Amino acid sequence: MRLTAITLTATGPGARQVLDAAQVSAVLWVAAVAEDRLEHVSIRCAPGHVHLGIFTLARSEATAAAAALGICRRALAMSPLLREWSVGAVRAA
């Protein structure tokens, strides 16, 4: 299992500054596709930031990072909750 750490950052004036971790988790699971091989999500919410630990069954760090980033981008595109948020940082852990 591979861990990719991603930070989401509030970017718009209408962004809710503190999000509910359970809601963010639900959005990420809906955004994931089978090819992502998502296994587990860890979430810590802070004002203006959401820190994600996305665990996948990817074979390499690059594949894991691409899958985690894809999940986040789809979630940002599809969810009104995350409409004014963006990916701030990505790192393999």
Protein backbone atom coordinates (compact mmCIF):
# COMPACT_ATOMS: atom_id res chain seq x y z
CA MET A 1 0.00 0.00 0.00
CA ARG A 2 1.28 3.47 -0.87
CA LEU A 3 0.51 6.77 0.87
CA THR A 4 0.23 10.08 -0.93
CA ALA A 5 -0.23 13.24 1.15
CA ILE A 6 -2.26 16.00 -0.48
CA THR A 7 -3.25 19.38 0.92
CA LEU A 8 -6.34 21.12 -0.39
CA THR A 9 -6.48 24.89 0.04
CA ALA A 10 -9.50 27.22 0.05
CA THR A 11 -9.12 29.57 -2.91
CA GLY A 12 -12.40 31.43 -3.24
CA PRO A 13 -14.26 33.88 -1.06
CA GLY A 14 -17.27 31.55 -0.91
CA ALA A 15 -15.29 28.53 0.27
CA ARG A 16 -16.39 27.20 3.62
CA GLN A 17 -13.24 27.63 5.69
CA VAL A 18 -13.55 24.52 7.86
CA LEU A 19 -14.92 21.40 6.21
CA ASP A 20 -16.35 18.27 7.78
CA ALA A 21 -13.95 15.34 7.36
CA ALA A 22 -16.76 12.80 6.89
CA GLN A 23 -18.23 14.85 4.04
CA VAL A 24 -14.85 15.23 2.35
CA SER A 25 -14.25 11.48 2.70
CA ALA A 26 -17.60 10.68 1.09
CA VAL A 27 -16.81 12.96 -1.86
CA LEU A 28 -13.39 11.36 -2.37
CA TRP A 29 -14.84 7.84 -2.35
CA VAL A 30 -17.48 8.85 -4.91
CA ALA A 31 -14.79 10.46 -7.10
CA ALA A 32 -12.55 7.37 -7.03
CA VAL A 33 -12.69 4.87 -9.88
CA ALA A 34 -11.68 1.21 -9.74
CA GLU A 35 -8.38 1.91 -11.52
CA ASP A 36 -7.32 4.21 -8.66
CA ARG A 37 -7.21 1.19 -6.34
CA LEU A 38 -8.18 3.38 -3.38
CA GLU A 39 -7.82 1.57 -0.08
CA HIS A 40 -8.12 4.16 2.71
CA VAL A 41 -8.42 7.92 3.25
CA SER A 42 -7.23 9.89 6.28
CA ILE A 43 -8.45 13.47 6.63
CA ARG A 44 -7.56 16.36 8.92
CA CYS A 45 -9.45 19.62 8.42
CA ALA A 46 -8.12 23.02 9.48
CA PRO A 47 -9.23 26.56 8.63
CA GLY A 48 -8.56 27.04 4.91
CA HIS A 49 -6.82 23.64 4.53
CA VAL A 50 -7.69 19.97 4.28
CA HIS A 51 -4.82 17.54 4.77
CA LEU A 52 -5.40 14.19 3.06
CA GLY A 53 -3.61 10.89 3.36
CA ILE A 54 -4.68 8.81 0.39
CA PHE A 55 -3.68 5.15 0.52
CA THR A 56 -3.77 3.17 -2.72
CA LEU A 57 -2.67 -0.26 -3.81
CA ALA A 58 -0.44 1.25 -6.51
CA ARG A 59 2.82 -0.49 -7.41
CA SER A 60 4.94 2.67 -7.56
CA GLU A 61 5.03 6.08 -5.90
CA ALA A 62 4.41 7.78 -9.24
CA THR A 63 1.33 5.66 -9.92
CA ALA A 64 0.05 6.26 -6.38
CA ALA A 65 0.55 10.02 -6.68
CA ALA A 66 -1.21 10.10 -10.07
CA ALA A 67 -4.16 8.11 -8.71
CA ALA A 68 -4.48 10.29 -5.58
CA LEU A 69 -4.25 13.48 -7.62
CA GLY A 70 -6.84 12.17 -10.06
CA ILE A 71 -9.25 11.39 -7.23
CA CYS A 72 -8.78 14.90 -5.81
CA ARG A 73 -9.23 16.63 -9.17
CA ARG A 74 -12.42 14.70 -9.90
CA ALA A 75 -13.72 15.49 -6.39
CA LEU A 76 -12.93 19.19 -6.83
CA ALA A 77 -14.70 19.22 -10.20
CA MET A 78 -17.83 17.38 -9.12
CA SER A 79 -18.58 18.54 -5.58
CA PRO A 80 -20.23 21.84 -4.60
CA LEU A 81 -18.56 21.39 -1.18
CA LEU A 82 -15.11 21.67 -2.82
CA ARG A 83 -15.98 24.12 -5.59
CA GLU A 84 -13.71 26.90 -4.31
CA TRP A 85 -10.84 24.66 -3.22
CA SER A 86 -7.70 23.59 -5.07
CA VAL A 87 -4.78 21.20 -4.69
CA GLY A 88 -2.08 23.04 -2.78
CA ALA A 89 0.58 20.35 -2.34
CA VAL A 90 1.23 16.71 -3.26
CA ARG A 91 3.95 14.47 -1.86
CA ALA A 92 4.61 10.77 -1.67
CA ALA A 93 4.99 9.69 1.91
